[in-house]
Structure formats: C-alpha cells, structure tokens
C-alpha atoms as a PDB file:
ATOM      1  CA  MET A   1      22.673  -9.109 -15.601  1.00  0.00           C
ATOM      2  CA  ALA A   2      19.428  -7.818 -14.095  1.00  0.00           C
ATOM      3  CA  ARG A   3      18.853  -8.426 -10.401  1.00  0.00           C
ATOM      4  CA  THR A   4      15.853 -10.529  -9.441  1.00  0.00           C
ATOM      5  CA  VAL A   5      12.918  -9.299  -7.406  1.00  0.00           C
ATOM      6  CA  VAL A   6      10.016 -11.477  -6.295  1.00  0.00           C
ATOM      7  CA  VAL A   7       6.817  -9.460  -5.838  1.00  0.00           C
ATOM      8  CA  PHE A   8       4.088 -11.095  -3.765  1.00  0.00           C
ATOM      9  CA  GLY A   9       0.651  -9.555  -4.327  1.00  0.00           C
ATOM     10  CA  ALA A  10       1.757  -8.519  -7.810  1.00  0.00           C
ATOM     11  CA  LYS A  11      -1.787  -8.423  -9.227  1.00  0.00           C
ATOM     12  CA  GLY A  12      -3.236  -6.051  -6.642  1.00  0.00           C
ATOM     13  CA  PHE A  13      -3.885  -2.308  -6.779  1.00  0.00           C
ATOM     14  CA  ILE A  14      -0.458  -1.340  -5.420  1.00  0.00           C
ATOM     15  CA  GLY A  15       1.423  -4.511  -6.345  1.00  0.00           C
ATOM     16  CA  SER A  16       0.689  -4.229 -10.062  1.00  0.00           C
ATOM     17  CA  ARG A  17       2.084  -0.685 -10.175  1.00  0.00           C
ATOM     18  CA  VAL A  18       5.095  -1.722  -8.096  1.00  0.00           C
ATOM     19  CA  THR A  19       5.874  -4.517 -10.554  1.00  0.00           C
ATOM     20  CA  ALA A  20       5.545  -2.129 -13.499  1.00  0.00           C
ATOM     21  CA  ALA A  21       7.917   0.376 -11.857  1.00  0.00           C
ATOM     22  CA  LEU A  22      10.496  -2.304 -11.028  1.00  0.00           C
ATOM     23  CA  ASP A  23      10.317  -3.721 -14.546  1.00  0.00           C
ATOM     24  CA  ALA A  24      10.793  -0.232 -16.023  1.00  0.00           C
ATOM     25  CA  ASP A  25      13.863   0.227 -13.826  1.00  0.00           C
ATOM     26  CA  GLY A  26      15.499  -2.904 -15.199  1.00  0.00           C
ATOM     27  CA  TRP A  27      14.693  -5.547 -12.591  1.00  0.00           C
ATOM     28  CA  HIS A  28      13.958  -9.164 -13.468  1.00  0.00           C
ATOM     29  CA  CYS A  29      10.499  -9.410 -11.890  1.00  0.00           C
ATOM     30  CA  ILE A  30       8.903 -12.644 -10.744  1.00  0.00           C
ATOM     31  CA  GLU A  31       5.253 -11.888 -10.042  1.00  0.00           C
ATOM     32  CA  VAL A  32       3.304 -13.998  -7.560  1.00  0.00           C
ATOM     33  CA  ASP A  33      -0.373 -13.528  -6.763  1.00  0.00           C
ATOM     34  CA  ARG A  34      -1.978 -14.459  -3.457  1.00  0.00           C
ATOM     35  CA  TYR A  35      -2.847 -17.926  -4.770  1.00  0.00           C
ATOM     36  CA  GLY A  36       0.752 -18.838  -5.564  1.00  0.00           C
ATOM     37  CA  ARG A  37       0.448 -18.395  -9.321  1.00  0.00           C
ATOM     38  CA  ALA A  38       3.769 -17.077 -10.603  1.00  0.00           C
ATOM     39  CA  THR A  39       5.275 -15.623 -13.763  1.00  0.00           C
ATOM     40  CA  GLY A  40       8.842 -15.912 -14.971  1.00  0.00           C
ATOM     41  CA  GLY A  41       8.783 -19.518 -16.134  1.00  0.00           C
ATOM     42  CA  LEU A  42       9.494 -20.965 -12.682  1.00  0.00           C
ATOM     43  CA  GLY A  43       6.109 -22.553 -12.189  1.00  0.00           C
ATOM     44  CA  ASP A  44       3.658 -21.851  -9.402  1.00  0.00           C
ATOM     45  CA  VAL A  45       4.344 -22.169  -5.703  1.00  0.00           C
ATOM     46  CA  GLY A  46       3.770 -25.869  -5.005  1.00  0.00           C
ATOM     47  CA  GLY A  47       1.778 -27.521  -2.251  1.00  0.00           C
ATOM     48  CA  PRO A  48      -0.840 -25.878  -0.023  1.00  0.00           C
ATOM     49  CA  TYR A  49       0.390 -22.343  -0.601  1.00  0.00           C
ATOM     50  CA  TYR A  50      -3.035 -20.948   0.141  1.00  0.00           C
ATOM     51  CA  SER A  51      -5.434 -23.109   2.123  1.00  0.00           C
ATOM     52  CA  GLY A  52      -8.221 -21.516   4.130  1.00  0.00           C
ATOM     53  CA  ASP A  53      -6.473 -19.151   6.497  1.00  0.00           C
ATOM     54  CA  ASP A  54      -2.884 -20.308   6.235  1.00  0.00           C
ATOM     55  CA  TRP A  55       0.096 -20.712   3.921  1.00  0.00           C
ATOM     56  CA  SER A  56       2.966 -23.184   3.761  1.00  0.00           C
ATOM     57  CA  SER A  57       6.303 -21.570   4.604  1.00  0.00           C
ATOM     58  CA  LEU A  58       8.034 -24.784   3.529  1.00  0.00           C
ATOM     59  CA  GLU A  59       6.664 -24.615  -0.018  1.00  0.00           C
ATOM     60  CA  LEU A  60       7.356 -20.893  -0.119  1.00  0.00           C
ATOM     61  CA  SER A  61      10.975 -21.455   0.871  1.00  0.00           C
ATOM     62  CA  ARG A  62      11.372 -24.068  -1.881  1.00  0.00           C
ATOM     63  CA  PHE A  63       9.972 -21.613  -4.392  1.00  0.00           C
ATOM     64  CA  LEU A  64      12.317 -18.850  -3.212  1.00  0.00           C
ATOM     65  CA  ARG A  65      15.324 -21.143  -3.512  1.00  0.00           C
ATOM     66  CA  HIS A  66      14.211 -21.891  -7.071  1.00  0.00           C
ATOM     67  CA  CYS A  67      14.134 -18.145  -7.756  1.00  0.00           C
ATOM     68  CA  GLY A  68      17.722 -17.787  -6.554  1.00  0.00           C
ATOM     69  CA  PRO A  69      19.191 -14.719  -4.826  1.00  0.00           C
ATOM     70  CA  ALA A  70      16.444 -12.111  -4.863  1.00  0.00           C
ATOM     71  CA  VAL A  71      14.925  -9.063  -3.261  1.00  0.00           C
ATOM     72  CA  ILE A  72      11.507  -9.905  -1.765  1.00  0.00           C
ATOM     73  CA  VAL A  73       8.656  -7.384  -2.002  1.00  0.00           C
ATOM     74  CA  ASN A  74       5.521  -7.983   0.048  1.00  0.00           C
ATOM     75  CA  ALA A  75       2.580  -6.127  -1.474  1.00  0.00           C
ATOM     76  CA  VAL A  76      -0.046  -8.545  -0.101  1.00  0.00           C
ATOM     77  CA  GLY A  77      -2.531  -6.969   2.267  1.00  0.00           C
ATOM     78  CA  ALA A  78      -6.206  -6.834   3.135  1.00  0.00           C
ATOM     79  CA  ALA A  79      -7.911  -3.454   3.221  1.00  0.00           C
ATOM     80  CA  TRP A  80      -9.362  -1.971   6.412  1.00  0.00           C
ATOM     81  CA  SER A  81     -12.959  -2.777   5.399  1.00  0.00           C
ATOM     82  CA  THR A  82     -12.436  -6.480   4.776  1.00  0.00           C
ATOM     83  CA  ASP A  83     -13.802  -9.259   6.994  1.00  0.00           C
ATOM     84  CA  PRO A  84     -11.704  -9.481  10.214  1.00  0.00           C
ATOM     85  CA  SER A  85     -10.661 -13.057   9.516  1.00  0.00           C
ATOM     86  CA  VAL A  86      -9.328 -12.039   6.102  1.00  0.00           C
ATOM     87  CA  VAL A  87      -7.515  -9.048   7.623  1.00  0.00           C
ATOM     88  CA  ARG A  88      -5.776 -11.370  10.064  1.00  0.00           C
ATOM     89  CA  ARG A  89      -4.951 -13.919   7.361  1.00  0.00           C
ATOM     90  CA  ASP A  90      -3.482 -11.440   4.887  1.00  0.00           C
ATOM     91  CA  ASN A  91      -1.944  -8.883   7.251  1.00  0.00           C
ATOM     92  CA  VAL A  92      -0.659 -11.074  10.101  1.00  0.00           C
ATOM     93  CA  VAL A  93      -0.464 -14.770   9.135  1.00  0.00           C
ATOM     94  CA  TRP A  94       0.895 -14.186   5.651  1.00  0.00           C
ATOM     95  CA  PRO A  95       3.853 -11.946   6.694  1.00  0.00           C
ATOM     96  CA  CYS A  96       4.664 -14.505   9.398  1.00  0.00           C
ATOM     97  CA  ARG A  97       4.819 -17.310   6.811  1.00  0.00           C
ATOM     98  CA  LEU A  98       6.804 -15.148   4.409  1.00  0.00           C
ATOM     99  CA  ALA A  99       9.304 -14.323   7.153  1.00  0.00           C
ATOM    100  CA  GLU A 100       9.732 -18.024   7.901  1.00  0.00           C
ATOM    101  CA  ALA A 101      10.190 -18.798   4.203  1.00  0.00           C
ATOM    102  CA  CYS A 102      12.797 -16.080   3.740  1.00  0.00           C
ATOM    103  CA  GLU A 103      14.810 -17.502   6.627  1.00  0.00           C
ATOM    104  CA  ARG A 104      14.482 -21.095   5.378  1.00  0.00           C
ATOM    105  CA  SER A 105      15.426 -20.308   1.790  1.00  0.00           C
ATOM    106  CA  GLY A 106      18.827 -18.762   2.418  1.00  0.00           C
ATOM    107  CA  THR A 107      18.480 -16.789  -0.840  1.00  0.00           C
ATOM    108  CA  THR A 108      16.899 -13.579   0.470  1.00  0.00           C
ATOM    109  CA  GLU A 109      18.997 -10.516  -0.312  1.00  0.00           C
ATOM    110  CA  SER A 110      16.629  -8.020   1.295  1.00  0.00           C
ATOM    111  CA  ILE A 111      12.922  -7.565   2.053  1.00  0.00           C
ATOM    112  CA  LEU A 112      10.639  -4.650   1.285  1.00  0.00           C
ATOM    113  CA  HIS A 113       7.234  -4.551   3.004  1.00  0.00           C
ATOM    114  CA  LEU A 114       4.239  -2.331   2.227  1.00  0.00           C
ATOM    115  CA  GLY A 115       2.867  -1.074   5.533  1.00  0.00           C
ATOM    116  CA  SER A 116       0.249   1.527   6.423  1.00  0.00           C
ATOM    117  CA  SER A 117      -0.068   4.958   8.006  1.00  0.00           C
ATOM    118  CA  HIS A 118      -2.687   3.395  10.293  1.00  0.00           C
ATOM    119  CA  GLU A 119       0.202   1.890  12.222  1.00  0.00           C
ATOM    120  CA  TYR A 120       0.901   5.355  13.633  1.00  0.00           C
ATOM    121  CA  GLY A 121      -2.560   5.569  15.177  1.00  0.00           C
ATOM    122  CA  ASP A 122      -4.143   8.910  16.046  1.00  0.00           C
ATOM    123  CA  THR A 123      -2.367  12.052  14.876  1.00  0.00           C
ATOM    124  CA  THR A 124      -2.221  15.607  16.191  1.00  0.00           C
ATOM    125  CA  PRO A 125      -3.713  18.275  13.906  1.00  0.00           C
ATOM    126  CA  GLY A 126      -0.969  20.467  12.481  1.00  0.00           C
ATOM    127  CA  VAL A 127       1.831  18.006  13.295  1.00  0.00           C
ATOM    128  CA  ARG A 128       3.442  16.019  10.492  1.00  0.00           C
ATOM    129  CA  VAL A 129       3.981  12.315  11.121  1.00  0.00           C
ATOM    130  CA  SER A 130       7.593  11.203  10.683  1.00  0.00           C
ATOM    131  CA  GLU A 131       9.044   7.710  10.545  1.00  0.00           C
ATOM    132  CA  SER A 132      10.382   8.183  14.069  1.00  0.00           C
ATOM    133  CA  THR A 133       6.870   8.732  15.433  1.00  0.00           C
ATOM    134  CA  ALA A 134       5.996   5.957  17.875  1.00  0.00           C
ATOM    135  CA  LEU A 135       3.625   3.335  16.497  1.00  0.00           C
ATOM    136  CA  ALA A 136       0.325   3.305  18.394  1.00  0.00           C
ATOM    137  CA  PRO A 137      -2.333   1.766  16.122  1.00  0.00           C
ATOM    138  CA  LEU A 138      -5.921   2.212  17.294  1.00  0.00           C
ATOM    139  CA  THR A 139      -7.891   0.176  14.773  1.00  0.00           C
ATOM    140  CA  ALA A 140      -7.888  -3.583  14.211  1.00  0.00           C
ATOM    141  CA  TYR A 141      -6.559  -2.908  10.725  1.00  0.00           C
ATOM    142  CA  GLY A 142      -3.669  -0.775  11.976  1.00  0.00           C
ATOM    143  CA  LYS A 143      -2.823  -3.333  14.638  1.00  0.00           C
ATOM    144  CA  SER A 144      -2.825  -6.124  12.052  1.00  0.00           C
ATOM    145  CA  LYS A 145      -0.413  -4.234   9.793  1.00  0.00           C
ATOM    146  CA  SER A 146       1.932  -3.525  12.691  1.00  0.00           C
ATOM    147  CA  ALA A 147       1.822  -7.140  13.884  1.00  0.00           C
ATOM    148  CA  GLY A 148       2.549  -8.442  10.395  1.00  0.00           C
ATOM    149  CA  ALA A 149       5.529  -6.131   9.956  1.00  0.00           C
ATOM    150  CA  SER A 150       6.960  -7.263  13.302  1.00  0.00           C
ATOM    151  CA  HIS A 151       7.411 -10.820  11.973  1.00  0.00           C
ATOM    152  CA  LEU A 152       9.503  -9.516   9.086  1.00  0.00           C
ATOM    153  CA  VAL A 153      11.510  -7.229  11.375  1.00  0.00           C
ATOM    154  CA  ARG A 154      12.511 -10.143  13.589  1.00  0.00           C
ATOM    155  CA  ALA A 155      13.399 -12.283  10.571  1.00  0.00           C
ATOM    156  CA  ALA A 156      15.550  -9.494   9.107  1.00  0.00           C
ATOM    157  CA  TYR A 157      17.566  -9.251  12.314  1.00  0.00           C
ATOM    158  CA  ARG A 158      17.997 -13.021  12.509  1.00  0.00           C
ATOM    159  CA  MET A 159      19.133 -13.199   8.865  1.00  0.00           C
ATOM    160  CA  ASN A 160      21.199 -10.023   9.091  1.00  0.00           C
ATOM    161  CA  ARG A 161      19.499  -8.839   5.915  1.00  0.00           C
ATOM    162  CA  PRO A 162      18.065  -5.369   5.202  1.00  0.00           C
ATOM    163  CA  LEU A 163      14.336  -4.754   5.632  1.00  0.00           C
ATOM    164  CA  THR A 164      12.643  -1.646   4.240  1.00  0.00           C
ATOM    165  CA  LEU A 165       9.209  -0.630   5.498  1.00  0.00           C
ATOM    166  CA  ILE A 166       7.166   1.622   3.215  1.00  0.00           C
ATOM    167  CA  ARG A 167       4.319   3.086   5.264  1.00  0.00           C
ATOM    168  CA  ALA A 168       1.753   4.158   2.713  1.00  0.00           C
ATOM    169  CA  PHE A 169      -0.746   6.855   3.626  1.00  0.00           C
ATOM    170  CA  ASN A 170      -4.006   7.189   1.662  1.00  0.00           C
ATOM    171  CA  VAL A 171      -3.131   5.667  -1.697  1.00  0.00           C
ATOM    172  CA  ILE A 172      -5.309   6.836  -4.576  1.00  0.00           C
ATOM    173  CA  GLY A 173      -5.521   6.232  -8.305  1.00  0.00           C
ATOM    174  CA  ALA A 174      -7.299   4.282 -11.000  1.00  0.00           C
ATOM    175  CA  GLY A 175      -8.396   0.788  -9.986  1.00  0.00           C
ATOM    176  CA  HIS A 176      -8.429   1.570  -6.270  1.00  0.00           C
ATOM    177  CA  GLY A 177     -11.490  -0.522  -5.477  1.00  0.00           C
ATOM    178  CA  THR A 178     -14.823   0.348  -3.901  1.00  0.00           C
ATOM    179  CA  ASN A 179     -14.041   1.256  -0.286  1.00  0.00           C
ATOM    180  CA  GLY A 180     -13.077   4.591   1.229  1.00  0.00           C
ATOM    181  CA  ILE A 181     -13.727   8.253   0.466  1.00  0.00           C
ATOM    182  CA  TRP A 182     -11.563   8.274  -2.673  1.00  0.00           C
ATOM    183  CA  ALA A 183     -13.396   5.317  -4.213  1.00  0.00           C
ATOM    184  CA  SER A 184     -16.716   6.868  -3.214  1.00  0.00           C
ATOM    185  CA  ALA A 185     -15.855  10.164  -4.934  1.00  0.00           C
ATOM    186  CA  VAL A 186     -14.657   8.399  -8.086  1.00  0.00           C
ATOM    187  CA  GLY A 187     -17.809   6.266  -8.236  1.00  0.00           C
ATOM    188  CA  LEU A 188     -20.158   9.176  -7.666  1.00  0.00           C
ATOM    189  CA  TYR A 189     -18.541  11.404 -10.268  1.00  0.00           C
ATOM    190  CA  ARG A 190     -18.156   8.667 -12.839  1.00  0.00           C
ATOM    191  CA  ALA A 191     -21.852   7.825 -12.461  1.00  0.00           C
ATOM    192  CA  ALA A 192     -22.793  11.505 -12.654  1.00  0.00           C
ATOM    193  CA  GLU A 193     -20.827  11.982 -15.871  1.00  0.00           C
ATOM    194  CA  GLU A 194     -22.341   8.888 -17.455  1.00  0.00           C
ATOM    195  CA  ALA A 195     -25.896   9.894 -16.465  1.00  0.00           C
ATOM    196  CA  GLY A 196     -25.475  13.574 -17.263  1.00  0.00           C
ATOM    197  CA  SER A 197     -26.407  14.559 -13.685  1.00  0.00           C
ATOM    198  CA  ASP A 198     -26.225  18.178 -12.622  1.00  0.00           C
ATOM    199  CA  GLN A 199     -25.151  17.456  -9.028  1.00  0.00           C
ATOM    200  CA  VAL A 200     -23.391  14.868  -6.891  1.00  0.00           C
ATOM    201  CA  VAL A 201     -24.731  14.058  -3.427  1.00  0.00           C
ATOM    202  CA  ALA A 202     -22.286  12.411  -1.020  1.00  0.00           C
ATOM    203  CA  ASN A 203     -22.696  11.046   2.497  1.00  0.00           C
ATOM    204  CA  VAL A 204     -19.900  12.854   4.360  1.00  0.00           C
ATOM    205  CA  PRO A 205     -20.466  13.384   8.104  1.00  0.00           C
ATOM    206  CA  PHE A 206     -17.207  15.302   8.637  1.00  0.00           C
ATOM    207  CA  PRO A 207     -16.162  17.129   5.444  1.00  0.00           C
ATOM    208  CA  GLU A 208     -13.206  18.847   7.120  1.00  0.00           C
ATOM    209  CA  THR A 209     -11.555  15.499   7.886  1.00  0.00           C
ATOM    210  CA  ALA A 210      -8.152  15.656   6.205  1.00  0.00           C
ATOM    211  CA  ARG A 211      -5.997  12.871   4.805  1.00  0.00           C
ATOM    212  CA  ASP A 212      -2.608  12.712   3.110  1.00  0.00           C
ATOM    213  CA  LEU A 213      -3.380  11.452  -0.409  1.00  0.00           C
ATOM    214  CA  ILE A 214      -0.683   9.890  -2.592  1.00  0.00           C
ATOM    215  CA  ASP A 215      -0.958   8.537  -6.145  1.00  0.00           C
ATOM    216  CA  VAL A 216      -0.267   4.812  -6.415  1.00  0.00           C
ATOM    217  CA  ARG A 217       2.289   5.452  -9.160  1.00  0.00           C
ATOM    218  CA  ASP A 218       4.351   7.611  -6.823  1.00  0.00           C
ATOM    219  CA  VAL A 219       4.206   4.883  -4.181  1.00  0.00           C
ATOM    220  CA  ALA A 220       5.487   2.417  -6.783  1.00  0.00           C
ATOM    221  CA  GLY A 221       8.311   4.770  -7.682  1.00  0.00           C
ATOM    222  CA  LEU A 222       9.376   4.972  -4.044  1.00  0.00           C
ATOM    223  CA  VAL A 223       9.314   1.187  -3.714  1.00  0.00           C
ATOM    224  CA  SER A 224      11.570   0.793  -6.758  1.00  0.00           C
ATOM    225  CA  LEU A 225      14.073   3.314  -5.401  1.00  0.00           C
ATOM    226  CA  ALA A 226      14.081   1.648  -1.980  1.00  0.00           C
ATOM    227  CA  ALA A 227      14.538  -1.816  -3.490  1.00  0.00           C
ATOM    228  CA  ALA A 228      17.676  -0.638  -5.289  1.00  0.00           C
ATOM    229  CA  ARG A 229      19.097   1.065  -2.196  1.00  0.00           C
ATOM    230  CA  PRO A 230      18.389  -1.006   0.926  1.00  0.00           C
ATOM    231  CA  GLY A 231      19.404   0.713   4.115  1.00  0.00           C
ATOM    232  CA  PRO A 232      20.490  -0.714   7.458  1.00  0.00           C
ATOM    233  CA  THR A 233      18.829  -3.803   8.918  1.00  0.00           C
ATOM    234  CA  VAL A 234      15.539  -1.905   9.252  1.00  0.00           C
ATOM    235  CA  ALA A 235      14.679   1.341   7.451  1.00  0.00           C
ATOM    236  CA  ALA A 236      11.279   3.036   7.160  1.00  0.00           C
ATOM    237  CA  TYR A 237       9.922   5.575   4.687  1.00  0.00           C
ATOM    238  CA  ASN A 238       6.596   7.371   4.495  1.00  0.00           C
ATOM    239  CA  ALA A 239       4.880   7.143   1.121  1.00  0.00           C
ATOM    240  CA  ALA A 240       2.725  10.257   1.079  1.00  0.00           C
ATOM    241  CA  SER A 241       2.252  13.664  -0.506  1.00  0.00           C
ATOM    242  CA  GLY A 242       3.205  15.700   2.541  1.00  0.00           C
ATOM    243  CA  THR A 243      -0.093  17.578   2.187  1.00  0.00           C
ATOM    244  CA  ALA A 244      -3.273  17.395   4.254  1.00  0.00           C
ATOM    245  CA  THR A 245      -6.290  17.356   1.914  1.00  0.00           C
ATOM    246  CA  SER A 246      -9.754  17.658   3.420  1.00  0.00           C
ATOM    247  CA  ILE A 247     -12.711  15.733   2.035  1.00  0.00           C
ATOM    248  CA  ARG A 248     -14.199  19.075   1.006  1.00  0.00           C
ATOM    249  CA  GLN A 249     -11.029  19.948  -0.922  1.00  0.00           C
ATOM    250  CA  LEU A 250     -11.113  16.521  -2.563  1.00  0.00           C
ATOM    251  CA  PHE A 251     -14.650  17.061  -3.808  1.00  0.00           C
ATOM    252  CA  ASP A 252     -13.739  20.606  -4.861  1.00  0.00           C
ATOM    253  CA  ALA A 253     -11.065  19.077  -7.103  1.00  0.00           C
ATOM    254  CA  PHE A 254     -13.539  16.603  -8.610  1.00  0.00           C
ATOM    255  CA  ALA A 255     -16.026  19.415  -9.212  1.00  0.00           C
ATOM    256  CA  ALA A 256     -13.342  21.539 -10.886  1.00  0.00           C
ATOM    257  CA  ARG A 257     -12.382  18.671 -13.174  1.00  0.00           C
ATOM    258  CA  THR A 258     -15.928  17.678 -14.167  1.00  0.00           C
ATOM    259  CA  GLY A 259     -17.893  20.898 -13.833  1.00  0.00           C
ATOM    260  CA  ILE A 260     -20.430  19.057 -11.659  1.00  0.00           C
ATOM    261  CA  PRO A 261     -21.118  20.615  -8.236  1.00  0.00           C
ATOM    262  CA  TYR A 262     -21.628  18.505  -5.129  1.00  0.00           C
ATOM    263  CA  ARG A 263     -23.655  18.561  -1.938  1.00  0.00           C
ATOM    264  CA  PHE A 264     -22.860  16.773   1.319  1.00  0.00           C
ATOM    265  CA  GLU A 265     -25.341  14.872   3.429  1.00  0.00           C
ATOM    266  CA  ARG A 266     -24.174  14.239   6.984  1.00  0.00           C
ATOM    267  CA  GLY A 267     -25.506  10.819   7.860  1.00  0.00           C
ATOM    268  CA  SER A 268     -23.445   8.393   9.916  1.00  0.00           C
ATOM    269  CA  GLU A 269     -23.792   5.411   7.568  1.00  0.00           C
ATOM    270  CA  GLY A 270     -20.435   3.876   6.688  1.00  0.00           C
ATOM    271  CA  LEU A 271     -18.581   6.050   9.194  1.00  0.00           C
ATOM    272  CA  ARG A 272     -15.326   4.537  10.426  1.00  0.00           C
ATOM    273  CA  ILE A 273     -12.968   5.423  13.236  1.00  0.00           C
ATOM    274  CA  GLY A 274      -9.845   7.336  12.374  1.00  0.00           C
ATOM    275  CA  SER A 275      -7.856  10.493  12.827  1.00  0.00           C
ATOM    276  CA  ARG A 276      -9.555  13.707  11.707  1.00  0.00           C
ATOM    277  CA  TRP A 277      -6.299  15.172  10.385  1.00  0.00           C
ATOM    278  CA  GLN A 278      -3.263  13.555   8.796  1.00  0.00           C
ATOM    279  CA  ARG A 279      -0.119  14.767   7.099  1.00  0.00           C
ATOM    280  CA  ALA A 280       3.165  12.936   6.620  1.00  0.00           C
ATOM    281  CA  ASP A 281       6.739  14.095   6.802  1.00  0.00           C
ATOM    282  CA  ILE A 282       8.282  12.824   3.546  1.00  0.00           C
ATOM    283  CA  SER A 283      11.716  14.414   3.900  1.00  0.00           C
ATOM    284  CA  ARG A 284      13.455  11.107   4.643  1.00  0.00           C
ATOM    285  CA  ALA A 285      12.433   9.522   1.327  1.00  0.00           C
ATOM    286  CA  GLU A 286      13.384  12.701  -0.498  1.00  0.00           C
ATOM    287  CA  SER A 287      16.809  13.090   1.115  1.00  0.00           C
ATOM    288  CA  HIS A 288      17.841   9.433   1.493  1.00  0.00           C
ATOM    289  CA  LEU A 289      16.512   8.060  -1.794  1.00  0.00           C
ATOM    290  CA  GLY A 290      16.104  11.116  -3.999  1.00  0.00           C
ATOM    291  CA  TRP A 291      12.394  10.386  -4.330  1.00  0.00           C
ATOM    292  CA  THR A 292      10.218  12.996  -6.048  1.00  0.00           C
ATOM    293  CA  ARG A 293       6.470  12.942  -6.491  1.00  0.00           C
ATOM    294  CA  HIS A 294       5.309  13.211 -10.097  1.00  0.00           C
ATOM    295  CA  PHE A 295       1.506  13.062  -9.845  1.00  0.00           C
ATOM    296  CA  THR A 296      -0.838  15.703  -8.461  1.00  0.00           C
ATOM    297  CA  LEU A 297      -4.348  15.185  -7.108  1.00  0.00           C
ATOM    298  CA  THR A 298      -5.679  16.471 -10.434  1.00  0.00           C
ATOM    299  CA  ASP A 299      -3.574  13.869 -12.269  1.00  0.00           C
ATOM    300  CA  SER A 300      -5.025  11.100 -10.071  1.00  0.00           C
ATOM    301  CA  ILE A 301      -8.592  12.277 -10.694  1.00  0.00           C
ATOM    302  CA  GLU A 302      -8.015  12.542 -14.442  1.00  0.00           C
ATOM    303  CA  THR A 303      -6.672   8.986 -14.636  1.00  0.00           C
ATOM    304  CA  ALA A 304      -9.389   7.502 -12.411  1.00  0.00           C
ATOM    305  CA  LEU A 305     -12.280   9.086 -14.323  1.00  0.00           C
ATOM    306  CA  ALA A 306     -10.802   8.105 -17.684  1.00  0.00           C
ATOM    307  CA  ARG A 307     -11.207   4.398 -16.923  1.00  0.00           C
END
C-alpha cells in the first residue's frame, strides 16, 4: 500500500513539481493549497484555516488526523519581493502553526520543509556553501525563512520525529513568476521573440553577480528522495547545481538559445541586497540520497520559453 504524503503549498511553483515527483514515485499525495482546499477526497481543512494573517493549528491537526499516518511536506512560502506582512505570515506564522498541528495530531511520521539559501547570509567568493555552514541571514526574507524553520525543528525534537530541511538556492524553470533575474530574462526574451526584436536590453547593475541556479524539477526530485529516506531528527540538504553562474553567463545562454543578442544598462532600479557570488556544495545530497541533477541551464531556458 502506498505511503501517504500531505503537501502544503501544492499549487505553487515548487509545490506543484514536488507533488508531481512524489506521485510519480508511488506516493499517495494529498494536496493542500494555502487556502485549505485539499484533494484526495478528504474534504478541505475546516474552520478558519486562513484568516487574515493567521491559521488555526487546531483545525489543521484535525485534518492531519483525518489523513492518518503521513509524511508532511511544507512547500508554502512567500518570495523575497512580497509585502513584509505576507512574508511574515507565510514564512514565520504558517510554519509555527504547522508545527503545532503536527504535534497535536499524533499522526506525523516525518516533516520535510523547503527552506532557502538566503538563510546562509553573505557568502565568500570562491567558497562553496555546505549544510554545515553557520546560518547568518542578512535580509528580512532570509531571517523569516530561518525563523519559520526553527519552529519545525523544535517540534521535531519534541515529537522525536525526523525533519528534513531542503535549502533551495536560486530555483528556475517554467512558471517561476515575475520577480528576480531569471524571471526578468525569461520575460525579456519571450517578448523579444514574439515581437521579432533584434536585441534585448536589460537593467543589470552588476552583471558579474553569480548565483547557483537549479531547475525546479531537480529540486522536486531531491524532495521525493528525501521524503522516502528521512535521516536523523534533523537533516539538511542543499538543492542547487553546484555551479556559480553569473548574470552575464545567464544572458549568454539565452542569447545562444534564441539568437538574439543583449545589452546591459546599469541603472539601480529594482536592485536588491544580496551576495555577489554564490555556489553550493551538493555532495551531501549526492552521497546520502543518491541524488543526480537531470536538467541543465539550457534545458530550463528551453522549457521556460516554450510556454
């Protein structure tokens, strides 16, 4: 009989791919969106699941008991560019309520939480970030992700149940949204192809800024492997490519795929704080879980522009 997994945030950019990967690997998936609407024939989460800036851990715990013994995946999260109140609600309050519900329900087998590379804070150029790197978030977003994870860590220890933290670096792919350098590049090149433009002009103040880019489908694959093989009480894995890709290299790849050259303008509009260089150590996921990346940057670009 298939094991049950409850995926919260199952309709989002990452959550939808996670659910697809788990389903393909034989799990019985119960999908729950951020409004408490659920699949699987169990009905929605009752009561004031989502009301303003809070959730009901009591109603959540009742729902989880109805689901029976299950692995819990938290793929809910607000992006860095969202309103601060929403960031706090989704990244701090929600994991707190989920932690309370998992403890109340008594049916939680293990928890898997999607975190962020921003929890590591600033990084040193040339040095790969490993899971043992001390967390020192600099931004409000990074601090919110770290604070949210801490609620689940404490609950895992109290329940004596495994918790797996997947710290995702810069996740890319089709359906990413509208914020960030990846979304900007996709939007610019899609518009250029549709209009038949002979050049793309992008606002990039620091084109040598480098990020570790990972396809959302590879992140989903890692989540599915980790769900099937929970570690000790708390285990962490980096979801990344292990490669530092500069913004210039990213646009080079788009230009190679489309045949449309680009030009950078160096205004400061939309500039956000962050490390100028980032690369993850992914050896733990490879050695502990047998994880292998399947999608290249070119694959991600091809899929995103095809939509």
